[in-house]
Amino acid sequence: MKNDTKKVVILIPIYRTFFNDFEIKSLKSVNQHLKSFPIIFIAPKSLDINFLKEYEIQFEYEIYRFEDQFFKSIEGYNQLLLSSHFYEAFLDYEYMLICQTDAYVFKNELSFWISKGFDYIGAPWLDSKKILFNHESRSVFNKIKKKIGLKQRLYNHINQVGNGGFSLRKTFKFHEISISESKNINYFLEHKEKENYHIEDVFWSLYVPQKHSFLKPDYKTALRFCVDRKPEIAFGYLNSELPFACHGFNKKGVVKFWSKYIS
């Protein structure tokens, strides 16, 4: 890797010419806590970015563009974040922080998390504490579904790290693996009905650690980095202390919870 490699870049995906109220709050949180770091909006080639001037964005930023196809659907976005050319574009940086506009930053802990040396950190997919949805009952439900010919649900992501919407990634490692796994990635993208590995954060979180040396924190440590699902349960582990950030704070089931901390 180059000796002049910069430490980290913040990447904010955008795909349309306006921000809603939640997205504006997200950008304000980035400005408040992370404006000292390099920030790049990643956007479709055809997007007119003049709309950004309307929002009086206070942090300095650059624009990096990719083909439109990667921003037209979730499938396209997954394809982008599984591609080697995405990570190649940012190899000057040791780390990248993916910060989607449904993430909210509570404090400046980016340097702290970089210092931990993880290859990947994202919000854990927390399990439910309800007995009805525990591991044993899910196994029983799947056996019943299999017996009567229904499709079984996969639960191997539960309490794993983690969601890619606000995630720290070691750029060189992701670039290297995306090249070596390119054939398998193409297979997963073409056979979505067989596996969930076509979903980019599921691929990086669950598939890659099976085949590569790939350092992630345990889910309780990762909760201090970011909380996504089940914030009430997460705050039990956190002793009600705010994490570095949260993701999906605009979702119907959690917006009331996060409104206590986000004005």
Protein backbone atom coordinates (compact mmCIF):
# COMPACT_ATOMS: atom_id res chain seq x y z
CA MET A 1 0.00 0.00 0.00
CA LYS A 2 1.20 3.52 -0.70
CA ASN A 3 3.14 5.29 2.05
CA ASP A 4 1.05 8.42 1.52
CA THR A 5 -2.21 6.59 2.12
CA LYS A 6 -4.68 8.84 3.88
CA LYS A 7 -6.35 7.36 6.93
CA VAL A 8 -10.08 7.55 6.19
CA VAL A 9 -12.70 8.98 3.85
CA ILE A 10 -16.42 9.38 4.55
CA LEU A 11 -18.60 8.26 1.63
CA ILE A 12 -22.20 9.47 1.45
CA PRO A 13 -24.31 7.85 -1.31
CA ILE A 14 -26.87 10.12 -3.02
CA TYR A 15 -29.15 9.28 -5.93
CA ARG A 16 -31.79 12.04 -6.29
CA THR A 17 -31.95 15.84 -6.34
CA PHE A 18 -33.42 16.51 -2.90
CA PHE A 19 -33.07 15.56 0.75
CA ASN A 20 -36.00 14.87 3.06
CA ASP A 21 -36.13 16.13 6.65
CA PHE A 22 -34.48 13.01 8.05
CA GLU A 23 -31.64 13.20 5.53
CA ILE A 24 -31.03 16.85 6.38
CA LYS A 25 -30.70 15.86 10.04
CA SER A 26 -28.26 13.14 9.02
CA LEU A 27 -26.08 15.60 7.10
CA LYS A 28 -26.16 18.08 9.98
CA SER A 29 -24.89 15.37 12.31
CA VAL A 30 -22.02 14.65 9.93
CA ASN A 31 -21.20 18.36 9.86
CA GLN A 32 -21.30 18.60 13.64
CA HIS A 33 -19.04 15.65 14.37
CA LEU A 34 -17.10 14.55 11.28
CA LYS A 35 -16.43 17.62 9.14
CA SER A 36 -12.69 17.47 9.86
CA PHE A 37 -12.43 14.30 7.76
CA PRO A 38 -12.47 14.08 3.94
CA ILE A 39 -16.08 13.69 2.75
CA ILE A 40 -17.16 12.50 -0.69
CA PHE A 41 -20.68 12.21 -2.07
CA ILE A 42 -20.90 9.18 -4.35
CA ALA A 43 -23.48 9.78 -7.06
CA PRO A 44 -24.79 8.59 -10.44
CA LYS A 45 -23.00 10.04 -13.45
CA SER A 46 -26.16 11.77 -14.67
CA LEU A 47 -27.19 13.36 -11.35
CA ASP A 48 -27.28 17.18 -11.41
CA ILE A 49 -25.53 17.99 -8.15
CA ASN A 50 -26.35 21.70 -8.24
CA PHE A 51 -29.20 20.91 -5.85
CA LEU A 52 -26.62 20.54 -3.07
CA LYS A 53 -26.19 24.33 -3.05
CA GLU A 54 -29.80 24.71 -1.89
CA TYR A 55 -29.05 23.00 1.41
CA GLU A 56 -26.16 25.18 2.56
CA ILE A 57 -24.03 22.16 3.38
CA GLN A 58 -21.37 23.46 5.72
CA PHE A 59 -18.71 20.79 5.42
CA GLU A 60 -16.27 20.62 2.51
CA TYR A 61 -16.96 17.79 0.10
CA GLU A 62 -16.07 16.27 -3.25
CA ILE A 63 -18.15 14.29 -5.73
CA TYR A 64 -17.24 10.88 -7.12
CA ARG A 65 -19.48 9.38 -9.78
CA PHE A 66 -20.32 5.83 -10.79
CA GLU A 67 -22.55 4.46 -13.55
CA ASP A 68 -26.26 5.23 -13.15
CA GLN A 69 -27.20 1.55 -13.01
CA PHE A 70 -25.75 1.24 -9.51
CA PHE A 71 -28.18 3.80 -8.07
CA LYS A 72 -31.47 2.75 -9.68
CA SER A 73 -32.29 -0.07 -7.26
CA ILE A 74 -31.13 -1.88 -4.14
CA GLU A 75 -29.83 -4.63 -6.44
CA GLY A 76 -27.67 -2.10 -8.27
CA TYR A 77 -26.31 -0.68 -5.02
CA ASN A 78 -25.44 -4.18 -3.82
CA GLN A 79 -23.61 -4.79 -7.07
CA LEU A 80 -21.61 -1.58 -6.63
CA LEU A 81 -20.48 -2.40 -3.10
CA LEU A 82 -19.49 -5.90 -4.16
CA SER A 83 -17.36 -4.65 -7.07
CA SER A 84 -13.59 -4.25 -7.00
CA HIS A 85 -13.71 -0.99 -8.96
CA PHE A 86 -15.68 0.65 -6.14
CA TYR A 87 -12.92 -0.03 -3.61
CA GLU A 88 -10.19 0.65 -6.17
CA ALA A 89 -11.50 4.22 -6.47
CA PHE A 90 -10.63 4.89 -2.82
CA LEU A 91 -7.38 2.97 -2.33
CA ASP A 92 -5.65 6.21 -1.34
CA TYR A 93 -7.51 5.86 1.95
CA GLU A 94 -6.79 3.11 4.46
CA TYR A 95 -10.43 3.10 5.61
CA MET A 96 -13.78 4.19 4.27
CA LEU A 97 -16.83 5.05 6.34
CA ILE A 98 -20.04 4.38 4.43
CA CYS A 99 -22.55 6.86 5.82
CA GLN A 100 -25.95 6.57 4.20
CA THR A 101 -28.34 9.47 4.71
CA ASP A 102 -30.51 7.41 7.05
CA ALA A 103 -27.65 7.33 9.58
CA TYR A 104 -27.22 9.81 12.43
CA VAL A 105 -23.88 10.53 14.11
CA PHE A 106 -23.95 11.26 17.85
CA LYS A 107 -20.26 11.85 18.56
CA ASN A 108 -16.83 11.96 16.94
CA GLU A 109 -15.38 8.51 17.54
CA LEU A 110 -14.12 7.77 14.04
CA SER A 111 -10.42 7.86 14.96
CA PHE A 112 -11.11 5.62 17.96
CA TRP A 113 -12.75 2.93 15.82
CA ILE A 114 -10.04 3.14 13.18
CA SER A 115 -7.45 2.53 15.89
CA LYS A 116 -9.07 -0.83 16.68
CA GLY A 117 -7.82 -2.27 13.39
CA PHE A 118 -11.01 -4.08 12.39
CA ASP A 119 -11.53 -4.96 8.74
CA TYR A 120 -15.26 -4.31 9.02
CA ILE A 121 -17.68 -2.83 11.54
CA GLY A 122 -21.41 -2.35 11.09
CA ALA A 123 -24.47 -2.29 13.32
CA PRO A 124 -25.34 -5.80 14.58
CA TRP A 125 -28.54 -7.50 13.49
CA LEU A 126 -29.79 -7.87 17.05
CA ASP A 127 -31.92 -10.80 18.09
CA SER A 128 -35.30 -10.40 19.75
CA LYS A 129 -35.66 -11.20 23.44
CA LYS A 130 -39.18 -12.49 22.92
CA ILE A 131 -39.41 -16.23 23.56
CA LEU A 132 -41.58 -16.65 20.46
CA PHE A 133 -38.70 -15.54 18.23
CA ASN A 134 -35.71 -17.22 19.85
CA HIS A 135 -33.31 -19.58 18.07
CA GLU A 136 -35.06 -22.78 19.13
CA SER A 137 -38.52 -21.65 18.06
CA ARG A 138 -37.22 -20.44 14.70
CA SER A 139 -35.69 -23.86 14.10
CA VAL A 140 -39.03 -25.52 14.84
CA PHE A 141 -40.88 -23.11 12.52
CA ASN A 142 -38.43 -23.86 9.71
CA LYS A 143 -38.82 -27.62 10.16
CA ILE A 144 -42.60 -27.21 9.89
CA LYS A 145 -42.23 -25.05 6.78
CA LYS A 146 -39.90 -27.59 5.19
CA LYS A 147 -42.33 -30.40 5.90
CA ILE A 148 -45.26 -28.64 4.24
CA GLY A 149 -43.17 -27.34 1.34
CA LEU A 150 -42.85 -23.67 2.30
CA LYS A 151 -39.66 -21.64 1.87
CA GLN A 152 -37.59 -21.51 5.04
CA ARG A 153 -36.30 -18.24 6.47
CA LEU A 154 -32.59 -17.80 7.10
CA TYR A 155 -31.55 -16.56 10.53
CA ASN A 156 -27.77 -16.92 10.30
CA HIS A 157 -27.41 -13.13 10.38
CA ILE A 158 -28.87 -12.79 13.88
CA ASN A 159 -26.42 -11.16 16.33
CA GLN A 160 -23.85 -10.87 13.54
CA VAL A 161 -21.87 -7.77 12.54
CA GLY A 162 -23.35 -6.18 10.62
CA ASN A 163 -25.42 -3.72 8.62
CA GLY A 164 -23.61 -1.80 5.87
CA GLY A 165 -25.59 1.45 6.01
CA PHE A 166 -23.16 2.96 8.50
CA SER A 167 -20.03 0.86 8.28
CA LEU A 168 -16.27 1.17 8.53
CA ARG A 169 -14.32 -0.84 5.96
CA LYS A 170 -10.60 -1.44 5.45
CA THR A 171 -10.31 -0.40 1.82
CA PHE A 172 -7.38 -2.54 0.66
CA LYS A 173 -8.83 -5.67 2.26
CA PHE A 174 -12.21 -5.15 0.59
CA HIS A 175 -10.55 -4.49 -2.75
CA GLU A 176 -8.40 -7.59 -2.48
CA ILE A 177 -11.30 -9.87 -1.52
CA SER A 178 -13.67 -8.44 -4.13
CA ILE A 179 -11.12 -9.43 -6.78
CA SER A 180 -10.38 -12.91 -5.44
CA GLU A 181 -14.11 -13.63 -4.93
CA SER A 182 -15.30 -12.08 -8.21
CA LYS A 183 -16.54 -15.39 -9.66
CA ASN A 184 -18.49 -16.24 -6.53
CA ILE A 185 -19.86 -12.69 -6.33
CA ASN A 186 -21.14 -12.96 -9.90
CA TYR A 187 -22.72 -16.31 -9.05
CA PHE A 188 -24.48 -14.88 -5.99
CA LEU A 189 -25.76 -11.90 -8.00
CA GLU A 190 -27.15 -14.23 -10.66
CA HIS A 191 -28.72 -16.72 -8.22
CA LYS A 192 -30.48 -14.52 -5.69
CA GLU A 193 -33.08 -17.17 -4.97
CA LYS A 194 -30.52 -19.60 -3.51
CA GLU A 195 -28.54 -17.47 -1.07
CA ASN A 196 -28.61 -14.06 0.60
CA TYR A 197 -24.99 -13.42 -0.34
CA HIS A 198 -26.06 -11.12 -3.18
CA ILE A 199 -26.86 -8.60 -0.42
CA GLU A 200 -23.59 -6.76 0.01
CA ASP A 201 -23.44 -6.50 3.79
CA VAL A 202 -24.55 -10.11 4.20
CA PHE A 203 -21.74 -11.15 1.85
CA TRP A 204 -19.11 -9.19 3.77
CA SER A 205 -20.47 -10.11 7.20
CA LEU A 206 -21.29 -13.81 6.82
CA TYR A 207 -19.65 -15.25 3.70
CA VAL A 208 -16.24 -13.59 3.74
CA PRO A 209 -15.25 -14.57 7.33
CA GLN A 210 -15.80 -18.23 6.37
CA LYS A 211 -13.09 -18.06 3.70
CA HIS A 212 -10.74 -15.22 4.63
CA SER A 213 -8.94 -13.73 7.59
CA PHE A 214 -11.41 -10.93 8.28
CA LEU A 215 -11.47 -9.14 11.61
CA LYS A 216 -14.80 -7.99 13.01
CA PRO A 217 -15.83 -7.09 16.57
CA ASP A 218 -18.35 -9.14 18.50
CA TYR A 219 -21.90 -7.82 18.39
CA LYS A 220 -21.83 -6.22 21.85
CA THR A 221 -18.71 -4.24 20.95
CA ALA A 222 -20.22 -3.28 17.59
CA LEU A 223 -23.30 -1.84 19.31
CA ARG A 224 -21.05 0.93 20.62
CA PHE A 225 -20.17 1.71 17.02
CA CYS A 226 -23.72 1.75 15.63
CA VAL A 227 -27.24 0.66 16.53
CA ASP A 228 -29.72 -0.34 13.83
CA ARG A 229 -32.56 -2.68 14.78
CA LYS A 230 -34.16 -3.04 18.23
CA PRO A 231 -32.66 0.07 19.89
CA GLU A 232 -34.46 -0.64 23.17
CA ILE A 233 -32.62 -3.95 23.48
CA ALA A 234 -29.37 -2.34 22.30
CA PHE A 235 -29.56 0.32 24.99
CA GLY A 236 -29.78 -2.43 27.61
CA TYR A 237 -26.37 -3.65 26.48
CA LEU A 238 -25.09 -0.06 26.28
CA ASN A 239 -26.34 0.97 29.73
CA SER A 240 -28.34 3.69 27.93
CA GLU A 241 -25.17 5.31 26.56
CA LEU A 242 -25.40 6.65 23.01
CA PRO A 243 -23.34 4.82 20.37
CA PHE A 244 -21.09 6.50 17.82
CA ALA A 245 -24.08 6.51 15.43
CA CYS A 246 -27.40 4.91 14.62
CA HIS A 247 -28.72 3.68 11.29
CA GLY A 248 -32.29 3.63 10.02
CA PHE A 249 -33.46 6.22 12.54
CA ASN A 250 -36.31 7.17 10.19
CA LYS A 251 -37.92 3.70 10.19
CA LYS A 252 -41.47 3.53 11.47
CA GLY A 253 -40.74 1.12 14.29
CA VAL A 254 -37.87 3.12 15.80
CA VAL A 255 -38.46 6.78 14.92
CA LYS A 256 -40.23 7.44 18.24
CA PHE A 257 -37.33 5.94 20.19
CA TRP A 258 -34.69 7.99 18.38
CA SER A 259 -36.72 11.21 18.61
CA LYS A 260 -35.66 11.37 22.27
CA TYR A 261 -32.06 11.87 21.13
CA ILE A 262 -32.45 13.51 17.71
CA SER A 263 -34.19 16.87 17.42
